[in-house]
PDB file of N, CA and C in Angstrom:
ATOM      1  N   MET A   1       0.860  -1.385  -0.047  1.00  0.00           N
ATOM      2  CA  MET A   1       0.084  -0.072   0.095  1.00  0.00           C
ATOM      3  C   MET A   1       0.841   1.267  -0.016  1.00  0.00           C
ATOM      4  N   THR A   2       0.571   2.214  -0.603  1.00  0.00           N
ATOM      5  CA  THR A   2       1.309   3.139  -1.031  1.00  0.00           C
ATOM      6  C   THR A   2       0.840   4.447   0.160  1.00  0.00           C
ATOM      7  N   PHE A   3       1.511   5.524   0.095  1.00  0.00           N
ATOM      8  CA  PHE A   3       1.273   6.577   1.077  1.00  0.00           C
ATOM      9  C   PHE A   3       0.067   6.978   0.749  1.00  0.00           C
ATOM     10  N   VAL A   4      -0.162   7.079  -0.589  1.00  0.00           N
ATOM     11  CA  VAL A   4      -1.419   7.851  -1.293  1.00  0.00           C
ATOM     12  C   VAL A   4      -2.805   7.005  -0.932  1.00  0.00           C
ATOM     13  N   ASP A   5      -2.638   5.870  -1.215  1.00  0.00           N
ATOM     14  CA  ASP A   5      -3.712   4.686  -0.847  1.00  0.00           C
ATOM     15  C   ASP A   5      -4.134   4.822   0.771  1.00  0.00           C
ATOM     16  N   THR A   6      -3.061   4.815   1.440  1.00  0.00           N
ATOM     17  CA  THR A   6      -3.589   4.846   2.949  1.00  0.00           C
ATOM     18  C   THR A   6      -4.177   6.191   3.245  1.00  0.00           C
ATOM     19  N   GLU A   7      -3.348   7.218   2.614  1.00  0.00           N
ATOM     20  CA  GLU A   7      -4.130   8.734   3.016  1.00  0.00           C
ATOM     21  C   GLU A   7      -5.635   8.681   2.280  1.00  0.00           C
ATOM     22  N   ASP A   8      -5.582   8.296   1.121  1.00  0.00           N
ATOM     23  CA  ASP A   8      -7.047   8.166   0.659  1.00  0.00           C
ATOM     24  C   ASP A   8      -8.158   7.806   1.576  1.00  0.00           C
ATOM     25  N   TRP A   9      -7.787   6.216   2.093  1.00  0.00           N
ATOM     26  CA  TRP A   9      -8.917   5.662   3.071  1.00  0.00           C
ATOM     27  C   TRP A   9      -9.142   6.314   4.219  1.00  0.00           C
ATOM     28  N   THR A  10      -8.044   7.132   4.830  1.00  0.00           N
ATOM     29  CA  THR A  10      -8.064   7.455   6.137  1.00  0.00           C
ATOM     30  C   THR A  10      -8.813   8.819   6.078  1.00  0.00           C
ATOM     31  N   LEU A  11      -8.778   9.411   4.980  1.00  0.00           N
ATOM     32  CA  LEU A  11      -9.709  10.694   4.852  1.00  0.00           C
ATOM     33  C   LEU A  11     -11.074  10.476   4.823  1.00  0.00           C
ATOM     34  N   GLN A  12     -11.408   9.142   4.408  1.00  0.00           N
ATOM     35  CA  GLN A  12     -12.885   9.077   4.474  1.00  0.00           C
ATOM     36  C   GLN A  12     -13.616   8.224   5.809  1.00  0.00           C
ATOM     37  N   ALA A  13     -12.652   7.913   6.516  1.00  0.00           N
ATOM     38  CA  ALA A  13     -12.972   7.207   7.584  1.00  0.00           C
ATOM     39  C   ALA A  13     -13.864   8.088   8.717  1.00  0.00           C
ATOM     40  N   LYS A  14     -14.860   7.310   9.334  1.00  0.00           N
ATOM     41  CA  LYS A  14     -15.826   7.914  10.057  1.00  0.00           C
ATOM     42  C   LYS A  14     -15.145   8.197  11.612  1.00  0.00           C
ATOM     43  N   CYS A  15     -14.136   8.052  11.883  1.00  0.00           N
ATOM     44  CA  CYS A  15     -13.475   8.118  13.066  1.00  0.00           C
ATOM     45  C   CYS A  15     -12.193   9.190  12.952  1.00  0.00           C
ATOM     46  N   ARG A  16     -12.171   9.708  11.761  1.00  0.00           N
ATOM     47  CA  ARG A  16     -11.299  10.689  11.521  1.00  0.00           C
ATOM     48  C   ARG A  16     -11.259  11.726  12.350  1.00  0.00           C
ATOM     49  N   GLY A  17     -10.116  12.034  13.075  1.00  0.00           N
ATOM     50  CA  GLY A  17     -10.194  12.978  14.150  1.00  0.00           C
ATOM     51  C   GLY A  17     -10.514  12.558  15.603  1.00  0.00           C
ATOM     52  N   MET A  18     -11.018  10.990  15.899  1.00  0.00           N
ATOM     53  CA  MET A  18     -11.141  10.663  17.198  1.00  0.00           C
ATOM     54  C   MET A  18     -10.170   9.605  17.638  1.00  0.00           C
ATOM     55  N   GLN A  19      -8.742   9.816  17.269  1.00  0.00           N
ATOM     56  CA  GLN A  19      -7.880   8.668  17.504  1.00  0.00           C
ATOM     57  C   GLN A  19      -7.728   8.226  19.053  1.00  0.00           C
ATOM     58  N   ASP A  20      -7.911   9.085  19.992  1.00  0.00           N
ATOM     59  CA  ASP A  20      -7.869   8.931  21.536  1.00  0.00           C
ATOM     60  C   ASP A  20      -9.168   8.225  21.898  1.00  0.00           C
ATOM     61  N   LYS A  21     -10.305   8.188  21.221  1.00  0.00           N
ATOM     62  CA  LYS A  21     -11.424   7.475  21.479  1.00  0.00           C
ATOM     63  C   LYS A  21     -11.236   6.180  20.829  1.00  0.00           C
ATOM     64  N   LEU A  22     -10.319   5.583  19.968  1.00  0.00           N
ATOM     65  CA  LEU A  22     -10.492   4.533  19.416  1.00  0.00           C
ATOM     66  C   LEU A  22      -9.456   3.471  20.186  1.00  0.00           C
ATOM     67  N   PHE A  23      -8.904   4.099  21.111  1.00  0.00           N
ATOM     68  CA  PHE A  23      -7.805   3.288  22.043  1.00  0.00           C
ATOM     69  C   PHE A  23      -8.543   3.160  23.629  1.00  0.00           C
ATOM     70  N   PRO A  24      -9.904   2.299  23.649  1.00  0.00           N
ATOM     71  CA  PRO A  24     -10.180   2.423  24.752  1.00  0.00           C
ATOM     72  C   PRO A  24     -10.061   1.043  25.568  1.00  0.00           C
ATOM     73  N   HIS A  25     -10.411   1.048  26.886  1.00  0.00           N
ATOM     74  CA  HIS A  25     -10.328  -0.301  27.501  1.00  0.00           C
ATOM     75  C   HIS A  25     -11.659  -0.793  28.028  1.00  0.00           C
ATOM     76  N   GLY A  26     -11.916  -1.905  28.093  1.00  0.00           N
ATOM     77  CA  GLY A  26     -12.783  -2.675  28.723  1.00  0.00           C
ATOM     78  C   GLY A  26     -14.313  -2.346  27.868  1.00  0.00           C
ATOM     79  N   ALA A  27     -15.369  -1.845  28.493  1.00  0.00           N
ATOM     80  CA  ALA A  27     -16.638  -1.723  27.790  1.00  0.00           C
ATOM     81  C   ALA A  27     -16.455  -0.551  26.973  1.00  0.00           C
ATOM     82  N   ASP A  28     -15.797   0.066  27.103  1.00  0.00           N
ATOM     83  CA  ASP A  28     -15.714   1.431  26.202  1.00  0.00           C
ATOM     84  C   ASP A  28     -15.348   0.872  24.779  1.00  0.00           C
ATOM     85  N   GLN A  29     -14.846  -0.179  24.593  1.00  0.00           N
ATOM     86  CA  GLN A  29     -14.451  -0.694  23.383  1.00  0.00           C
ATOM     87  C   GLN A  29     -15.766  -1.031  22.491  1.00  0.00           C
ATOM     88  N   LYS A  30     -16.988  -1.089  23.041  1.00  0.00           N
ATOM     89  CA  LYS A  30     -18.315  -1.521  22.423  1.00  0.00           C
ATOM     90  C   LYS A  30     -18.858   0.000  21.742  1.00  0.00           C
ATOM     91  N   ARG A  31     -18.360   0.698  22.491  1.00  0.00           N
ATOM     92  CA  ARG A  31     -18.494   2.465  21.822  1.00  0.00           C
ATOM     93  C   ARG A  31     -17.791   2.571  20.533  1.00  0.00           C
ATOM     94  N   ALA A  32     -16.708   2.404  20.762  1.00  0.00           N
ATOM     95  CA  ALA A  32     -15.641   2.542  19.348  1.00  0.00           C
ATOM     96  C   ALA A  32     -16.104   1.687  18.551  1.00  0.00           C
ATOM     97  N   ARG A  33     -16.323   0.482  18.811  1.00  0.00           N
ATOM     98  CA  ARG A  33     -16.707  -0.667  17.519  1.00  0.00           C
ATOM     99  C   ARG A  33     -18.054   0.017  16.992  1.00  0.00           C
ATOM    100  N   ALA A  34     -18.893   0.590  17.705  1.00  0.00           N
ATOM    101  CA  ALA A  34     -19.929   1.255  17.063  1.00  0.00           C
ATOM    102  C   ALA A  34     -19.684   2.279  15.824  1.00  0.00           C
ATOM    103  N   VAL A  35     -18.735   2.922  16.030  1.00  0.00           N
ATOM    104  CA  VAL A  35     -18.333   3.922  15.189  1.00  0.00           C
ATOM    105  C   VAL A  35     -17.816   3.333  13.718  1.00  0.00           C
ATOM    106  N   CYS A  36     -17.445   2.184  13.957  1.00  0.00           N
ATOM    107  CA  CYS A  36     -16.866   1.397  13.032  1.00  0.00           C
ATOM    108  C   CYS A  36     -17.979   0.872  11.876  1.00  0.00           C
ATOM    109  N   MET A  37     -19.133   0.302  12.567  1.00  0.00           N
ATOM    110  CA  MET A  37     -20.190  -0.541  12.023  1.00  0.00           C
ATOM    111  C   MET A  37     -20.593   0.299  10.461  1.00  0.00           C
ATOM    112  N   ALA A  38     -20.810   1.591  10.549  1.00  0.00           N
ATOM    113  CA  ALA A  38     -21.353   2.336   9.337  1.00  0.00           C
ATOM    114  C   ALA A  38     -20.241   2.983   8.539  1.00  0.00           C
ATOM    115  N   CYS A  39     -18.835   2.817   8.788  1.00  0.00           N
ATOM    116  CA  CYS A  39     -17.889   3.324   8.125  1.00  0.00           C
ATOM    117  C   CYS A  39     -17.778   2.851   6.684  1.00  0.00           C
ATOM    118  N   ALA A  40     -17.708   3.598   5.816  1.00  0.00           N
ATOM    119  CA  ALA A  40     -17.415   3.170   4.408  1.00  0.00           C
ATOM    120  C   ALA A  40     -15.851   2.884   4.110  1.00  0.00           C
ATOM    121  N   VAL A  41     -14.940   2.756   4.851  1.00  0.00           N
ATOM    122  CA  VAL A  41     -13.899   2.226   4.731  1.00  0.00           C
ATOM    123  C   VAL A  41     -13.137   1.180   5.874  1.00  0.00           C
ATOM    124  N   ARG A  42     -14.276   0.555   6.472  1.00  0.00           N
ATOM    125  CA  ARG A  42     -14.066  -0.318   7.371  1.00  0.00           C
ATOM    126  C   ARG A  42     -13.183  -1.183   7.005  1.00  0.00           C
ATOM    127  N   SER A  43     -13.432  -1.831   5.863  1.00  0.00           N
ATOM    128  CA  SER A  43     -12.428  -3.021   5.420  1.00  0.00           C
ATOM    129  C   SER A  43     -11.198  -2.582   5.200  1.00  0.00           C
ATOM    130  N   GLN A  44     -10.864  -1.465   4.619  1.00  0.00           N
ATOM    131  CA  GLN A  44      -9.590  -1.111   4.528  1.00  0.00           C
ATOM    132  C   GLN A  44      -8.629  -0.765   5.805  1.00  0.00           C
ATOM    133  N   CYS A  45      -9.613  -0.276   6.694  1.00  0.00           N
ATOM    134  CA  CYS A  45      -9.102  -0.165   8.005  1.00  0.00           C
ATOM    135  C   CYS A  45      -8.680  -1.573   8.650  1.00  0.00           C
ATOM    136  N   LEU A  46      -9.452  -2.492   8.653  1.00  0.00           N
ATOM    137  CA  LEU A  46      -9.294  -3.611   9.169  1.00  0.00           C
ATOM    138  C   LEU A  46      -7.826  -4.411   8.407  1.00  0.00           C
ATOM    139  N   ALA A  47      -7.918  -4.096   7.202  1.00  0.00           N
ATOM    140  CA  ALA A  47      -6.849  -4.875   6.433  1.00  0.00           C
ATOM    141  C   ALA A  47      -5.623  -4.068   6.743  1.00  0.00           C
ATOM    142  N   GLU A  48      -5.530  -2.875   7.217  1.00  0.00           N
ATOM    143  CA  GLU A  48      -4.454  -2.235   7.715  1.00  0.00           C
ATOM    144  C   GLU A  48      -3.863  -2.892   8.821  1.00  0.00           C
ATOM    145  N   ALA A  49      -4.709  -2.913   9.787  1.00  0.00           N
ATOM    146  CA  ALA A  49      -4.499  -3.345  11.113  1.00  0.00           C
ATOM    147  C   ALA A  49      -3.952  -4.713  11.127  1.00  0.00           C
ATOM    148  N   LEU A  50      -4.599  -5.733  10.103  1.00  0.00           N
ATOM    149  CA  LEU A  50      -4.157  -6.952  10.230  1.00  0.00           C
ATOM    150  C   LEU A  50      -2.716  -7.245   9.569  1.00  0.00           C
ATOM    151  N   ASP A  51      -2.609  -6.623   8.215  1.00  0.00           N
ATOM    152  CA  ASP A  51      -1.462  -6.887   7.431  1.00  0.00           C
ATOM    153  C   ASP A  51      -0.131  -6.068   8.183  1.00  0.00           C
ATOM    154  N   ASN A  52      -0.514  -5.222   9.191  1.00  0.00           N
ATOM    155  CA  ASN A  52       0.560  -4.562   9.687  1.00  0.00           C
ATOM    156  C   ASN A  52       0.970  -4.913  11.410  1.00  0.00           C
ATOM    157  N   ARG A  53      -0.108  -6.054  11.886  1.00  0.00           N
ATOM    158  CA  ARG A  53      -0.068  -6.656  13.007  1.00  0.00           C
ATOM    159  C   ARG A  53      -0.029  -5.535  14.007  1.00  0.00           C
ATOM    160  N   ILE A  54      -0.989  -4.773  13.878  1.00  0.00           N
ATOM    161  CA  ILE A  54      -1.460  -3.300  14.762  1.00  0.00           C
ATOM    162  C   ILE A  54      -1.753  -4.110  15.941  1.00  0.00           C
ATOM    163  N   GLU A  55      -1.299  -3.984  17.202  1.00  0.00           N
ATOM    164  CA  GLU A  55      -1.707  -4.538  18.628  1.00  0.00           C
ATOM    165  C   GLU A  55      -2.546  -3.674  19.287  1.00  0.00           C
ATOM    166  N   TRP A  56      -2.746  -2.312  19.059  1.00  0.00           N
ATOM    167  CA  TRP A  56      -3.634  -1.445  19.881  1.00  0.00           C
ATOM    168  C   TRP A  56      -4.993  -0.938  19.189  1.00  0.00           C
ATOM    169  N   GLY A  57      -5.810  -0.681  20.029  1.00  0.00           N
ATOM    170  CA  GLY A  57      -7.041   0.025  19.386  1.00  0.00           C
ATOM    171  C   GLY A  57      -7.873  -0.761  18.668  1.00  0.00           C
ATOM    172  N   VAL A  58      -9.245  -0.384  18.181  1.00  0.00           N
ATOM    173  CA  VAL A  58     -10.229  -0.647  17.734  1.00  0.00           C
ATOM    174  C   VAL A  58      -9.920  -0.230  16.090  1.00  0.00           C
ATOM    175  N   TRP A  59      -9.954  -1.375  15.349  1.00  0.00           N
ATOM    176  CA  TRP A  59      -9.557  -0.986  13.657  1.00  0.00           C
ATOM    177  C   TRP A  59     -10.670  -1.722  13.030  1.00  0.00           C
ATOM    178  N   GLY A  60     -11.372  -1.133  12.309  1.00  0.00           N
ATOM    179  CA  GLY A  60     -12.090  -1.970  11.416  1.00  0.00           C
ATOM    180  C   GLY A  60     -13.212  -2.689  12.124  1.00  0.00           C
ATOM    181  N   GLY A  61     -13.536  -2.016  13.298  1.00  0.00           N
ATOM    182  CA  GLY A  61     -14.597  -2.929  14.121  1.00  0.00           C
ATOM    183  C   GLY A  61     -14.136  -4.048  14.932  1.00  0.00           C
ATOM    184  N   MET A  62     -12.925  -4.221  14.834  1.00  0.00           N
ATOM    185  CA  MET A  62     -12.256  -5.298  15.751  1.00  0.00           C
ATOM    186  C   MET A  62     -11.371  -4.894  16.865  1.00  0.00           C
ATOM    187  N   THR A  63     -11.413  -5.565  18.087  1.00  0.00           N
ATOM    188  CA  THR A  63     -10.591  -4.916  19.238  1.00  0.00           C
ATOM    189  C   THR A  63      -9.063  -5.932  18.828  1.00  0.00           C
ATOM    190  N   GLU A  64      -8.448  -5.475  19.588  1.00  0.00           N
ATOM    191  CA  GLU A  64      -6.793  -6.182  19.690  1.00  0.00           C
ATOM    192  C   GLU A  64      -7.124  -7.723  19.739  1.00  0.00           C
ATOM    193  N   ARG A  65      -7.785  -8.100  20.806  1.00  0.00           N
ATOM    194  CA  ARG A  65      -8.032  -9.635  21.178  1.00  0.00           C
ATOM    195  C   ARG A  65      -8.807 -10.271  19.853  1.00  0.00           C
ATOM    196  N   GLU A  66      -9.818  -9.560  19.095  1.00  0.00           N
ATOM    197  CA  GLU A  66     -10.554 -10.251  18.002  1.00  0.00           C
ATOM    198  C   GLU A  66      -9.522 -10.436  17.043  1.00  0.00           C
ATOM    199  N   ARG A  67      -8.611  -9.276  16.807  1.00  0.00           N
ATOM    200  CA  ARG A  67      -7.632  -9.258  15.459  1.00  0.00           C
ATOM    201  C   ARG A  67      -6.708 -10.530  15.908  1.00  0.00           C
ATOM    202  N   ARG A  68      -6.155 -10.571  17.233  1.00  0.00           N
ATOM    203  CA  ARG A  68      -5.092 -11.548  17.480  1.00  0.00           C
ATOM    204  C   ARG A  68      -5.677 -13.000  16.968  1.00  0.00           C
ATOM    205  N   GLN A  69      -6.961 -13.198  17.438  1.00  0.00           N
ATOM    206  CA  GLN A  69      -7.584 -14.741  17.341  1.00  0.00           C
ATOM    207  C   GLN A  69      -7.913 -14.962  15.888  1.00  0.00           C
ATOM    208  N   LEU A  70      -8.027 -13.986  15.017  1.00  0.00           N
ATOM    209  CA  LEU A  70      -8.296 -14.311  13.687  1.00  0.00           C
ATOM    210  C   LEU A  70      -7.008 -14.347  12.910  1.00  0.00           C
ATOM    211  N   LEU A  71      -6.017 -13.845  13.599  1.00  0.00           N
ATOM    212  CA  LEU A  71      -4.658 -13.976  12.712  1.00  0.00           C
ATOM    213  C   LEU A  71      -3.856 -15.393  13.275  1.00  0.00           C
ATOM    214  N   ARG A  72      -4.505 -15.752  14.365  1.00  0.00           N
ATOM    215  CA  ARG A  72      -4.055 -17.280  14.993  1.00  0.00           C
ATOM    216  C   ARG A  72      -4.926 -18.434  14.048  1.00  0.00           C
ATOM    217  N   GLN A  73      -6.233 -17.952  13.745  1.00  0.00           N
ATOM    218  CA  GLN A  73      -6.822 -18.749  12.941  1.00  0.00           C
ATOM    219  C   GLN A  73      -6.627 -19.001  11.666  1.00  0.00           C
ATOM    220  N   ARG A  74      -6.381 -17.809  11.110  1.00  0.00           N
ATOM    221  CA  ARG A  74      -6.082 -17.773   9.733  1.00  0.00           C
ATOM    222  C   ARG A  74      -4.536 -17.646   9.198  1.00  0.00           C
ATOM    223  N   THR A  75      -3.614 -18.392   9.604  1.00  0.00           N
ATOM    224  CA  THR A  75      -2.212 -18.092   9.249  1.00  0.00           C
ATOM    225  C   THR A  75      -1.834 -18.299   7.761  1.00  0.00           C
ATOM    226  N   ASP A  76      -3.010 -18.636   7.002  1.00  0.00           N
ATOM    227  CA  ASP A  76      -2.786 -19.238   5.668  1.00  0.00           C
ATOM    228  C   ASP A  76      -2.708 -17.738   4.823  1.00  0.00           C
ATOM    229  N   ILE A  77      -3.446 -16.718   5.224  1.00  0.00           N
ATOM    230  CA  ILE A  77      -3.586 -15.493   4.798  1.00  0.00           C
ATOM    231  C   ILE A  77      -2.419 -14.461   4.936  1.00  0.00           C
ATOM    232  N   SER A  78      -1.652 -14.262   3.539  1.00  0.00           N
ATOM    233  CA  SER A  78      -0.621 -13.209   3.714  1.00  0.00           C
ATOM    234  C   SER A  78      -0.976 -11.828   3.408  1.00  0.00           C
ATOM    235  N   SER A  79      -2.202 -11.699   2.658  1.00  0.00           N
ATOM    236  CA  SER A  79      -2.405 -10.482   2.595  1.00  0.00           C
ATOM    237  C   SER A  79      -4.176 -10.169   2.690  1.00  0.00           C
ATOM    238  N   TRP A  80      -4.274  -9.321   3.824  1.00  0.00           N
ATOM    239  CA  TRP A  80      -5.541  -9.099   4.306  1.00  0.00           C
ATOM    240  C   TRP A  80      -6.330  -8.269   3.382  1.00  0.00           C
ATOM    241  N   GLN A  81      -5.568  -7.444   2.834  1.00  0.00           N
ATOM    242  CA  GLN A  81      -6.113  -6.192   1.733  1.00  0.00           C
ATOM    243  C   GLN A  81      -6.552  -7.072   0.743  1.00  0.00           C
ATOM    244  N   SER A  82      -5.884  -8.048   0.267  1.00  0.00           N
ATOM    245  CA  SER A  82      -6.364  -8.661  -0.962  1.00  0.00           C
ATOM    246  C   SER A  82      -7.761  -9.406  -0.598  1.00  0.00           C
ATOM    247  N   VAL A  83      -7.704 -10.002   0.525  1.00  0.00           N
ATOM    248  CA  VAL A  83      -8.940 -10.858   0.853  1.00  0.00           C
ATOM    249  C   VAL A  83     -10.346  -9.785   1.109  1.00  0.00           C
ATOM    250  N   LEU A  84      -9.788  -8.778   2.267  1.00  0.00           N
ATOM    251  CA  LEU A  84     -11.033  -7.785   2.424  1.00  0.00           C
ATOM    252  C   LEU A  84     -11.338  -6.693   1.530  1.00  0.00           C
ATOM    253  N   CYS A  85     -10.369  -6.312   0.510  1.00  0.00           N
ATOM    254  CA  CYS A  85     -10.422  -5.301  -0.198  1.00  0.00           C
ATOM    255  C   CYS A  85     -10.629  -5.702  -2.008  1.00  0.00           C
ATOM    256  N   GLY A  86     -10.147  -6.817  -2.120  1.00  0.00           N
ATOM    257  CA  GLY A  86     -10.306  -7.309  -3.347  1.00  0.00           C
ATOM    258  C   GLY A  86      -9.109  -6.557  -4.332  1.00  0.00           C
ATOM    259  N   LYS A  87      -7.928  -6.423  -3.500  1.00  0.00           N
ATOM    260  CA  LYS A  87      -6.901  -5.753  -4.417  1.00  0.00           C
ATOM    261  C   LYS A  87      -5.712  -6.247  -3.700  1.00  0.00           C
ATOM    262  N   PRO A  88      -4.512  -6.566  -4.351  1.00  0.00           N
ATOM    263  CA  PRO A  88      -3.429  -7.085  -3.780  1.00  0.00           C
ATOM    264  C   PRO A  88      -2.626  -6.075  -3.235  1.00  0.00           C
ATOM    265  N   LYS A  89      -1.836  -6.354  -2.127  1.00  0.00           N
ATOM    266  CA  LYS A  89      -1.124  -5.361  -1.071  1.00  0.00           C
ATOM    267  C   LYS A  89      -0.099  -4.652  -2.010  1.00  0.00           C
ATOM    268  N   GLY A  90      -0.010  -3.263  -1.769  1.00  0.00           N
ATOM    269  CA  GLY A  90       1.001  -2.488  -2.574  1.00  0.00           C
ATOM    270  C   GLY A  90       0.316  -1.810  -3.842  1.00  0.00           C
ATOM    271  N   LYS A  91      -0.794  -2.133  -4.024  1.00  0.00           N
ATOM    272  CA  LYS A  91      -1.453  -1.482  -5.110  1.00  0.00           C
ATOM    273  C   LYS A  91      -2.338  -0.556  -4.805  1.00  0.00           C
TER     274      LYS A  91
END
């Protein structure tokens, strides 16, 4: 993924400007996830977190724990961007 591609989807994110609120603890994670549910770039966001093994925060509607579990279950996937967004990583 190029810088321009990353910049494009992040500008469309529903959570834009809310970074601190996307790193909640406990019950507050549910509120953060709710922001993601209606976001137009949810798949790109989740792919970014999974491909780059981002360990903190809510990304694409998934918590750190949920992403770690998914990565453990699906070790066969080398590009989440390809799976979730339909385009090869780096394109």
